[in-house]
Amino acid sequence: MRYFRNSCLFSLIVVLFITFACTESTKLNESSKLQVSGEVLRIPIDSLTANISTGLVRYENYLVNVNWNTNSLQFYDLNSEKLSKEIFYQYEGPQGVGSIFGIHIHSLDSIFLFTQLVPVITLTDTTGIIKNRIQYTKPEGHTNAFVHNAYFGSTPTLQNGKMLVKTHAEGNYRQMTEERLHKSLLAYRINLEDGAYQSTELTYPEGYLNSGLKFFEPSLVFHPEYTVYSLFGDHRLYKQIRFGDLETFDGKSQYLDESLPYFPVDGERFETQKYLTASSRYETLVYDEYQKVYYRFAYPTLTIEKEEDLLALRENPGPFVIQVFNQDLKLITESYFEGGIYFPNNHFITEKGLYLSTNNPENPEAEEDAFRFELIELIK
């Protein structure tokens, strides 16, 4: 079985941050709703490719899979629904790139590879040749660029030779204070010419930890003149204008607890993992450039009493919610999806709509030899 070869990688990321650093639509807008289309996209995969991806990126007519197992990029043609090209990268040596953690495709001639171990960005293209290595500096007290294509998505953006990337505050998570968090950056820019970093106005909003410690993982959508972001333990959406003010927008899901829980500072491992994977929370925020809307993935509280039930959430995240916000960041609709059908961390967007992986282990139609997605349409 190859269903969950990569599932441990997601849980390891959560542990790392602790120590280091369907469909029932609401009637918010009766003219808008998410609708399961029944249209399935099936892409065959080989024996070295897990059917749950550690990172999917759609670029033009390609769906690109970041294959951690083989340190490769797999380009699947969405028209033919077949593998078009696979590029393998060496870990070390003259053509070495380290372990690929995430990618950003600016163009097919400019593909940027990111690793977590060293502050280096590798520039390549579809030939697989290493065109450049950018060694960069990072702000004091912050991590290397955090580019992961399946975890709290925050796609980098390149503008005027500077790349805007997500980061984390370094240090013991449990010892974070409101004062320090408010001064910490959500993102910084990297000058691709000389590797120098440039600070930004993107810091954590004031008051996030005023009432107690909460997981402060963000998901950001970068635009040229502003950034929209969401936080794990906050109902609101935020819009930071470049060189301007921070605006807030109500975004509470009716399916989540009114009062979002706090991090169990004195709790044991079970309580910590329960908070991170079974409590009311918000995760990835993505922008649909075709419909001009934002989708936010959220998870309602689950009743978990046993360790084995908690461990099962690593492979099957359970029920989830997709919220839809318009360009004014007004919540226009949201839909609740039952568990056991989709794997929401694996998704991508085309002009048709939002595709969700159906390779949930409880789904009888899941396939171990193929990526399998169902189209979710936004009906306006």
Protein backbone atom coordinates (compact mmCIF):
# COMPACT_ATOMS: atom_id res chain seq x y z
CA MET A 1 0.00 0.00 0.00
CA ARG A 2 1.26 3.46 -0.93
CA TYR A 3 -1.50 5.65 0.45
CA PHE A 4 0.29 7.25 3.33
CA ARG A 5 3.97 6.97 2.67
CA ASN A 6 4.21 10.70 3.22
CA SER A 7 1.76 11.09 6.12
CA CYS A 8 4.51 11.11 8.74
CA LEU A 9 6.07 14.12 7.05
CA PHE A 10 3.04 16.26 7.84
CA SER A 11 3.11 15.25 11.49
CA LEU A 12 6.84 15.90 11.70
CA ILE A 13 6.27 19.45 10.53
CA VAL A 14 3.81 20.05 13.36
CA VAL A 15 6.24 18.61 15.92
CA LEU A 16 9.01 20.78 14.48
CA PHE A 17 7.10 23.96 15.18
CA ILE A 18 6.28 23.00 18.73
CA THR A 19 9.90 22.47 19.56
CA PHE A 20 11.49 24.82 17.09
CA ALA A 21 9.96 27.41 16.11
CA CYS A 22 -21.02 16.71 1.06
CA THR A 23 -21.62 19.50 1.24
CA GLU A 24 -24.14 21.51 3.14
CA SER A 25 -23.91 25.16 2.16
CA THR A 26 -24.83 28.03 4.38
CA LYS A 27 -27.10 30.68 3.01
CA LEU A 28 -24.86 33.67 3.48
CA ASN A 29 -25.45 34.50 -0.15
CA GLU A 30 -28.22 32.52 -1.77
CA SER A 31 -26.81 33.23 -5.23
CA SER A 32 -23.43 31.65 -4.41
CA LYS A 33 -22.61 28.12 -3.32
CA LEU A 34 -19.99 25.42 -3.63
CA GLN A 35 -21.19 22.41 -5.54
CA VAL A 36 -19.68 18.96 -5.98
CA SER A 37 -19.65 18.44 -9.75
CA GLY A 38 -19.07 14.71 -9.92
CA GLU A 39 -16.35 15.39 -12.50
CA VAL A 40 -13.26 13.33 -11.64
CA LEU A 41 -9.70 13.88 -12.80
CA ARG A 42 -7.52 10.77 -12.64
CA ILE A 43 -3.76 10.82 -13.24
CA PRO A 44 -1.81 7.54 -13.12
CA ILE A 45 1.33 7.50 -10.95
CA ASP A 46 4.29 5.14 -10.67
CA SER A 47 5.32 2.92 -7.77
CA LEU A 48 7.70 5.55 -6.33
CA THR A 49 5.00 8.21 -6.11
CA ALA A 50 2.63 8.38 -3.15
CA ASN A 51 -1.01 9.06 -3.98
CA ILE A 52 -1.04 11.80 -1.33
CA SER A 53 1.35 14.55 -2.35
CA THR A 54 3.70 16.57 -0.16
CA GLY A 55 3.20 19.49 -2.53
CA LEU A 56 1.15 20.26 -5.63
CA VAL A 57 1.61 23.32 -7.83
CA ARG A 58 -0.48 24.07 -10.89
CA TYR A 59 1.29 26.05 -13.60
CA GLU A 60 -0.44 26.63 -16.93
CA ASN A 61 -1.53 23.17 -18.15
CA TYR A 62 0.72 21.29 -15.75
CA LEU A 63 0.12 19.89 -12.30
CA VAL A 64 3.55 19.67 -10.70
CA ASN A 65 4.13 17.21 -7.89
CA VAL A 66 6.99 17.74 -5.43
CA ASN A 67 8.06 14.14 -4.81
CA TRP A 68 10.02 14.02 -1.56
CA ASN A 69 10.62 10.30 -1.97
CA THR A 70 12.75 10.76 -5.10
CA ASN A 71 13.79 14.44 -4.75
CA SER A 72 12.12 15.14 -8.05
CA LEU A 73 9.55 17.32 -9.77
CA GLN A 74 6.87 15.53 -11.78
CA PHE A 75 5.08 17.49 -14.49
CA TYR A 76 1.65 16.01 -15.25
CA ASP A 77 -0.21 17.30 -18.30
CA LEU A 78 -3.74 18.19 -17.24
CA ASN A 79 -5.03 17.77 -20.79
CA SER A 80 -3.66 14.29 -21.46
CA GLU A 81 -3.82 13.36 -17.73
CA LYS A 82 -0.39 11.73 -18.00
CA LEU A 83 3.14 12.30 -16.75
CA SER A 84 4.86 14.62 -19.21
CA LYS A 85 8.27 15.00 -17.59
CA GLU A 86 10.09 14.12 -14.39
CA ILE A 87 13.22 15.93 -13.24
CA PHE A 88 15.43 14.23 -10.66
CA TYR A 89 17.78 16.33 -8.55
CA GLN A 90 20.93 15.23 -6.79
CA TYR A 91 21.24 15.88 -3.07
CA GLU A 92 24.94 16.72 -3.15
CA GLY A 93 27.74 17.56 -5.57
CA PRO A 94 28.06 20.17 -8.34
CA GLN A 95 24.44 19.63 -9.38
CA GLY A 96 23.18 19.02 -5.85
CA VAL A 97 20.21 20.97 -4.49
CA GLY A 98 19.78 19.36 -1.07
CA SER A 99 16.38 17.95 -0.06
CA ILE A 100 13.64 19.80 -1.92
CA PHE A 101 11.14 21.12 0.61
CA GLY A 102 9.03 23.30 -1.67
CA ILE A 103 9.06 25.08 -5.00
CA HIS A 104 7.91 28.23 -6.72
CA ILE A 105 7.37 28.32 -10.48
CA HIS A 106 7.76 31.86 -11.82
CA SER A 107 7.98 30.50 -15.36
CA LEU A 108 9.12 27.25 -16.94
CA ASP A 109 12.52 28.92 -17.34
CA SER A 110 12.60 30.06 -13.71
CA ILE A 111 11.77 27.35 -11.19
CA PHE A 112 12.95 28.05 -7.64
CA LEU A 113 13.77 25.18 -5.27
CA PHE A 114 13.74 25.68 -1.49
CA THR A 115 15.27 23.63 1.31
CA GLN A 116 14.91 24.07 5.05
CA LEU A 117 18.44 23.24 6.13
CA VAL A 118 20.40 26.08 4.50
CA PRO A 119 19.49 29.61 3.34
CA VAL A 120 19.95 28.86 -0.34
CA ILE A 121 17.48 29.12 -3.23
CA THR A 122 18.30 27.07 -6.33
CA LEU A 123 17.22 28.38 -9.73
CA THR A 124 16.52 25.74 -12.36
CA ASP A 125 14.23 25.10 -15.32
CA THR A 126 12.53 22.18 -17.05
CA THR A 127 15.90 20.88 -18.32
CA GLY A 128 16.95 20.24 -14.72
CA ILE A 129 20.14 22.27 -15.12
CA ILE A 130 21.18 24.36 -12.12
CA LYS A 131 21.23 27.92 -13.41
CA ASN A 132 22.03 29.72 -10.17
CA ARG A 133 22.25 29.36 -6.43
CA ILE A 134 21.20 32.33 -4.34
CA GLN A 135 22.64 32.30 -0.85
CA TYR A 136 20.62 34.73 1.21
CA THR A 137 20.63 36.28 4.63
CA LYS A 138 17.61 36.14 6.92
CA PRO A 139 16.32 38.56 9.56
CA GLU A 140 17.64 37.96 13.06
CA GLY A 141 15.35 35.70 15.06
CA HIS A 142 13.65 34.26 11.98
CA THR A 143 13.93 31.06 9.98
CA ASN A 144 14.94 30.40 6.42
CA ALA A 145 12.24 30.94 3.83
CA PHE A 146 9.42 28.52 4.58
CA VAL A 147 8.03 27.30 1.27
CA HIS A 148 5.85 24.19 1.59
CA ASN A 149 3.27 23.49 -1.08
CA ALA A 150 0.81 21.51 1.08
CA TYR A 151 1.00 23.01 4.58
CA PHE A 152 -0.65 26.37 5.33
CA GLY A 153 0.00 27.38 1.72
CA SER A 154 1.79 30.68 1.19
CA THR A 155 2.98 30.88 -2.41
CA PRO A 156 6.03 33.16 -2.85
CA THR A 157 5.87 36.02 -5.30
CA LEU A 158 8.62 37.66 -7.35
CA GLN A 159 8.48 41.36 -8.07
CA ASN A 160 11.28 43.66 -9.26
CA GLY A 161 13.97 41.10 -8.55
CA LYS A 162 12.85 40.51 -4.95
CA MET A 163 11.06 37.40 -3.76
CA LEU A 164 8.55 37.66 -0.93
CA VAL A 165 8.60 34.52 1.22
CA LYS A 166 6.95 33.27 4.40
CA THR A 167 9.02 32.81 7.56
CA HIS A 168 8.67 31.74 11.19
CA ALA A 169 9.92 33.21 14.44
CA GLU A 170 12.73 31.12 15.93
CA GLY A 171 12.79 29.85 19.48
CA ASN A 172 10.76 27.77 21.89
CA TYR A 173 7.15 27.88 20.82
CA ARG A 174 5.78 27.58 24.34
CA GLN A 175 7.75 30.63 25.47
CA MET A 176 6.39 33.00 22.85
CA THR A 177 4.99 36.26 24.23
CA GLU A 178 2.55 38.76 22.78
CA GLU A 179 5.22 41.45 22.67
CA ARG A 180 7.71 39.31 20.79
CA LEU A 181 5.13 37.85 18.39
CA HIS A 182 3.85 41.28 17.43
CA LYS A 183 7.41 42.24 16.45
CA SER A 184 7.96 39.03 14.48
CA LEU A 185 7.74 38.94 10.71
CA LEU A 186 5.28 36.85 8.76
CA ALA A 187 7.35 37.30 5.61
CA TYR A 188 10.42 39.04 4.23
CA ARG A 189 11.85 39.81 0.80
CA ILE A 190 15.02 38.33 -0.66
CA ASN A 191 17.00 40.27 -3.26
CA LEU A 192 17.87 37.64 -5.84
CA GLU A 193 20.85 39.66 -7.04
CA ASP A 194 22.84 39.80 -3.81
CA GLY A 195 20.86 37.64 -1.36
CA ALA A 196 20.17 40.51 1.03
CA TYR A 197 16.88 40.41 2.90
CA GLN A 198 14.44 43.28 3.16
CA SER A 199 12.06 43.57 6.09
CA THR A 200 8.35 44.11 5.51
CA GLU A 201 5.35 45.58 7.29
CA LEU A 202 4.01 42.03 7.58
CA THR A 203 4.15 41.37 11.31
CA TYR A 204 1.70 39.45 13.49
CA PRO A 205 -1.39 41.48 14.41
CA GLU A 206 -1.39 43.11 17.80
CA GLY A 207 -3.26 41.22 20.49
CA TYR A 208 -3.18 37.71 18.98
CA LEU A 209 -1.75 36.27 22.21
CA ASN A 210 -3.30 38.72 24.67
CA SER A 211 -5.63 36.14 26.19
CA GLY A 212 -3.26 33.19 26.05
CA LEU A 213 -0.96 31.16 23.84
CA LYS A 214 -2.35 30.00 20.51
CA PHE A 215 -0.69 28.26 17.59
CA PHE A 216 0.29 31.16 15.35
CA GLU A 217 0.85 29.47 12.00
CA PRO A 218 -0.22 31.78 9.14
CA SER A 219 -1.33 31.22 5.58
CA LEU A 220 -0.66 34.16 3.28
CA VAL A 221 -1.75 35.25 -0.19
CA PHE A 222 0.67 37.79 -1.63
CA HIS A 223 -0.53 40.45 -4.07
CA PRO A 224 1.66 43.23 -5.53
CA GLU A 225 0.14 45.98 -3.37
CA TYR A 226 -1.22 44.06 -0.38
CA THR A 227 -1.22 40.71 1.40
CA VAL A 228 -4.23 38.82 2.73
CA TYR A 229 -3.62 36.32 5.50
CA SER A 230 -5.26 34.01 7.99
CA LEU A 231 -4.07 32.57 11.30
CA PHE A 232 -4.64 29.15 12.91
CA GLY A 233 -6.48 30.51 15.95
CA ASP A 234 -8.35 33.55 14.62
CA HIS A 235 -11.74 33.84 12.92
CA ARG A 236 -10.70 37.01 11.14
CA LEU A 237 -8.94 37.66 7.85
CA TYR A 238 -6.28 40.35 7.64
CA LYS A 239 -5.31 42.63 4.78
CA GLN A 240 -1.97 44.39 5.07
CA ILE A 241 -1.55 47.23 2.59
CA ARG A 242 2.02 47.64 1.38
CA PHE A 243 3.43 50.71 3.10
CA GLY A 244 -0.02 51.19 4.63
CA ASP A 245 -2.54 50.09 7.24
CA LEU A 246 -3.69 46.71 8.45
CA GLU A 247 -7.38 45.99 7.89
CA THR A 248 -9.38 43.21 9.58
CA PHE A 249 -12.45 41.36 8.33
CA ASP A 250 -14.86 39.08 10.16
CA GLY A 251 -14.69 35.54 8.82
CA LYS A 252 -16.10 33.27 11.50
CA SER A 253 -17.30 29.90 10.32
CA GLN A 254 -20.59 28.75 11.78
CA TYR A 255 -19.09 25.25 12.04
CA LEU A 256 -16.23 26.22 14.37
CA ASP A 257 -16.33 27.03 18.07
CA GLU A 258 -17.21 30.63 18.89
CA SER A 259 -14.21 30.84 21.19
CA LEU A 260 -11.20 29.18 19.64
CA PRO A 261 -9.12 27.11 22.09
CA TYR A 262 -5.72 27.94 23.53
CA PHE A 263 -2.51 25.99 23.35
CA PRO A 264 -2.28 23.56 26.32
CA VAL A 265 0.97 24.97 27.72
CA ASP A 266 1.10 22.48 30.60
CA GLY A 267 -0.45 19.63 28.66
CA GLU A 268 1.15 16.33 27.76
CA ARG A 269 1.86 15.19 24.21
CA PHE A 270 -1.69 13.88 23.74
CA GLU A 271 -3.24 17.23 24.66
CA THR A 272 -0.83 19.10 22.39
CA GLN A 273 -1.52 16.89 19.38
CA LYS A 274 -5.25 17.04 20.09
CA TYR A 275 -5.10 20.82 20.04
CA LEU A 276 -3.17 20.89 16.76
CA THR A 277 -5.19 18.29 14.86
CA ALA A 278 -8.64 18.00 16.47
CA SER A 279 -9.57 21.50 17.66
CA SER A 280 -11.43 24.24 15.81
CA ARG A 281 -8.87 25.94 13.57
CA TYR A 282 -8.21 27.62 10.25
CA GLU A 283 -5.55 26.40 7.85
CA THR A 284 -4.75 27.15 4.20
CA LEU A 285 -5.98 30.30 2.46
CA VAL A 286 -5.77 30.32 -1.36
CA TYR A 287 -6.80 32.74 -4.09
CA ASP A 288 -8.77 31.76 -7.18
CA GLU A 289 -7.57 34.13 -9.90
CA TYR A 290 -10.36 33.05 -12.23
CA GLN A 291 -13.34 33.52 -9.92
CA LYS A 292 -11.62 36.35 -8.00
CA VAL A 293 -12.38 34.76 -4.64
CA TYR A 294 -10.45 33.35 -1.69
CA TYR A 295 -10.99 29.85 -0.33
CA ARG A 296 -10.15 29.16 3.31
CA PHE A 297 -9.98 25.64 4.72
CA ALA A 298 -11.21 25.22 8.29
CA TYR A 299 -11.67 22.29 10.65
CA PRO A 300 -14.37 21.87 13.33
CA THR A 301 -13.68 20.42 16.76
CA LEU A 302 -13.63 16.63 16.99
CA THR A 303 -14.24 14.59 20.13
CA ILE A 304 -11.07 12.55 20.61
CA GLU A 305 -10.46 10.48 23.71
CA LYS A 306 -7.98 7.82 22.61
CA GLU A 307 -4.43 8.00 21.26
CA GLU A 308 -5.21 5.76 18.29
CA ASP A 309 -8.04 8.05 17.18
CA LEU A 310 -5.68 10.99 17.31
CA LEU A 311 -3.01 9.20 15.30
CA ALA A 312 -5.60 8.34 12.66
CA LEU A 313 -6.09 12.06 11.97
CA ARG A 314 -2.61 12.20 10.45
CA GLU A 315 -3.87 10.07 7.60
CA ASN A 316 -7.51 11.13 7.61
CA PRO A 317 -8.10 14.73 8.74
CA GLY A 318 -11.83 14.22 9.14
CA PRO A 319 -14.60 16.74 8.36
CA PHE A 320 -13.64 20.16 7.07
CA VAL A 321 -15.14 23.41 5.87
CA ILE A 322 -14.39 25.54 2.82
CA GLN A 323 -15.22 29.22 3.17
CA VAL A 324 -15.46 31.53 0.16
CA PHE A 325 -14.63 35.24 0.42
CA ASN A 326 -15.02 37.81 -2.33
CA GLN A 327 -12.36 40.38 -3.22
CA ASP A 328 -13.72 42.67 -0.50
CA LEU A 329 -13.06 39.81 1.95
CA LYS A 330 -16.73 39.36 2.68
CA LEU A 331 -17.74 35.79 3.48
CA ILE A 332 -20.21 34.88 0.73
CA THR A 333 -20.72 31.17 1.40
CA GLU A 334 -19.22 28.17 3.16
CA SER A 335 -19.74 24.42 2.89
CA TYR A 336 -19.20 21.55 5.29
CA PHE A 337 -17.62 18.38 3.90
CA GLU A 338 -17.97 15.09 5.74
CA GLY A 339 -14.82 13.13 6.51
CA GLY A 340 -13.79 10.00 4.67
CA ILE A 341 -14.07 11.35 1.13
CA TYR A 342 -11.46 14.04 0.45
CA PHE A 343 -7.90 14.80 1.45
CA PRO A 344 -8.10 18.62 1.59
CA ASN A 345 -4.36 19.36 1.80
CA ASN A 346 -4.08 18.13 -1.79
CA HIS A 347 -5.90 20.64 -3.93
CA PHE A 348 -5.37 22.95 -6.90
CA ILE A 349 -7.32 25.51 -8.91
CA THR A 350 -8.05 25.87 -12.62
CA GLU A 351 -10.48 27.99 -14.60
CA LYS A 352 -13.07 25.26 -13.94
CA GLY A 353 -12.85 25.52 -10.17
CA LEU A 354 -11.28 23.89 -7.13
CA TYR A 355 -10.05 20.30 -7.35
CA LEU A 356 -9.86 18.23 -4.15
CA SER A 357 -8.06 14.91 -3.79
CA THR A 358 -10.42 12.00 -3.21
CA ASN A 359 -7.62 9.69 -2.03
CA ASN A 360 -8.85 9.66 1.53
CA PRO A 361 -8.10 6.21 3.01
CA GLU A 362 -11.76 5.72 3.97
CA ASN A 363 -12.99 6.55 0.48
CA PRO A 364 -13.79 3.29 -1.35
CA GLU A 365 -12.95 5.03 -4.63
CA ALA A 366 -9.43 6.04 -3.52
CA GLU A 367 -6.67 4.68 -5.73
CA GLU A 368 -3.10 3.85 -4.79
CA ASP A 369 -1.90 3.98 -8.40
CA ALA A 370 -3.28 7.38 -9.31
CA PHE A 371 -3.84 10.94 -8.19
CA ARG A 372 -7.59 11.32 -8.08
CA PHE A 373 -9.40 14.65 -7.80
CA GLU A 374 -13.00 15.82 -7.88
CA LEU A 375 -14.00 19.23 -9.18
CA ILE A 376 -15.79 21.53 -6.73
CA GLU A 377 -17.52 24.36 -8.57
CA LEU A 378 -18.46 27.78 -7.26
CA ILE A 379 -21.94 28.56 -8.49
CA LYS A 380 -22.69 32.28 -8.48
